C-alpha cells in the first residue's frame, strides 16, 4: 500500500486560511453599519402642585425654627 504524501498539506492549509481571512475581511469592510444612536434630549415640564402655588401659615413656624 503506497504511502500518502503529506508534504504539501501545510502549505495548502495555511494558504486556505489566509485566503479565507482576506475574503472575510473584504466582506466585512464593505458592509455598512448603522451609526450609533445619539442621545435624545427630553424637555421636562415642571407641573405645579397645589402646595407650591400657595403659602400657608402652617409653614411659618417651621421656617423660623431652622434659623
Protein backbone atom coordinates (compact mmCIF):
# COMPACT_ATOMS: atom_id res chain seq x y z
CA UNK A 1 0.00 0.00 0.00
CA UNK A 2 1.55 3.32 -1.07
CA UNK A 3 2.37 5.99 1.46
CA UNK A 4 0.25 9.18 1.37
CA UNK A 5 2.35 12.24 0.56
CA UNK A 6 1.54 14.92 3.14
CA UNK A 7 4.39 17.31 2.37
CA UNK A 8 2.17 19.92 0.70
CA UNK A 9 -0.64 19.83 3.27
CA UNK A 10 0.86 22.53 5.48
CA UNK A 11 1.14 24.93 2.55
CA UNK A 12 -2.38 24.13 1.39
CA UNK A 13 -3.95 24.62 4.82
CA UNK A 14 -2.08 27.86 5.54
CA UNK A 15 -2.87 29.36 2.13
CA UNK A 16 -6.54 28.39 2.52
CA UNK A 17 -6.71 30.04 5.93
CA UNK A 18 -5.07 33.22 4.64
CA UNK A 19 -7.43 33.31 1.67
CA UNK A 20 -10.48 32.86 3.91
CA UNK A 21 -9.21 35.56 6.26
CA UNK A 22 -8.75 38.02 3.38
CA UNK A 23 -12.18 37.20 1.95
CA UNK A 24 -13.90 37.72 5.30
CA UNK A 25 -12.05 40.98 5.85
CA UNK A 26 -13.14 42.24 2.45
CA UNK A 27 -16.71 41.19 3.07
CA UNK A 28 -16.83 42.86 6.47
CA UNK A 29 -15.13 46.05 5.26
CA UNK A 30 -17.72 46.59 2.52
CA UNK A 31 -20.61 46.26 4.96
CA UNK A 32 -22.11 49.50 6.21
CA UNK A 33 -23.03 49.54 9.86
CA UNK A 34 -25.65 51.93 11.27
CA UNK A 35 -24.40 54.95 13.17
CA UNK A 36 -24.50 54.75 16.96
CA UNK A 37 -27.66 56.29 18.40
CA UNK A 38 -27.38 59.88 19.55
CA UNK A 39 -28.72 60.76 22.99
CA UNK A 40 -32.20 62.17 22.98
CA UNK A 41 -32.91 65.34 24.90
CA UNK A 42 -36.15 65.35 26.78
CA UNK A 43 -37.86 68.57 27.75
CA UNK A 44 -39.35 68.03 31.17
CA UNK A 45 -42.21 70.25 32.11
CA UNK A 46 -42.47 71.06 35.78
CA UNK A 47 -46.03 70.78 36.97
CA UNK A 48 -47.15 72.97 39.80
CA UNK A 49 -48.58 71.12 42.76
CA UNK A 50 -51.19 72.79 44.95
CA UNK A 51 -48.79 73.23 47.87
CA UNK A 52 -46.29 75.03 45.66
CA UNK A 53 -48.87 77.55 44.49
CA UNK A 54 -49.97 78.83 47.87
CA UNK A 55 -48.21 79.75 51.09
CA UNK A 56 -49.98 78.86 54.25
CA UNK A 57 -49.36 79.86 57.84
CA UNK A 58 -48.51 76.26 58.77
CA UNK A 59 -45.09 76.62 57.21
CA UNK A 60 -44.13 79.82 59.01
CA UNK A 61 -43.29 78.31 62.44
CA UNK A 62 -41.17 75.57 60.82
CA UNK A 63 -39.25 78.10 58.80
CA UNK A 64 -38.47 80.26 61.83
CA UNK A 65 -37.16 77.27 63.83
CA UNK A 66 -34.50 76.46 61.26
CA UNK A 67 -32.79 79.82 61.71
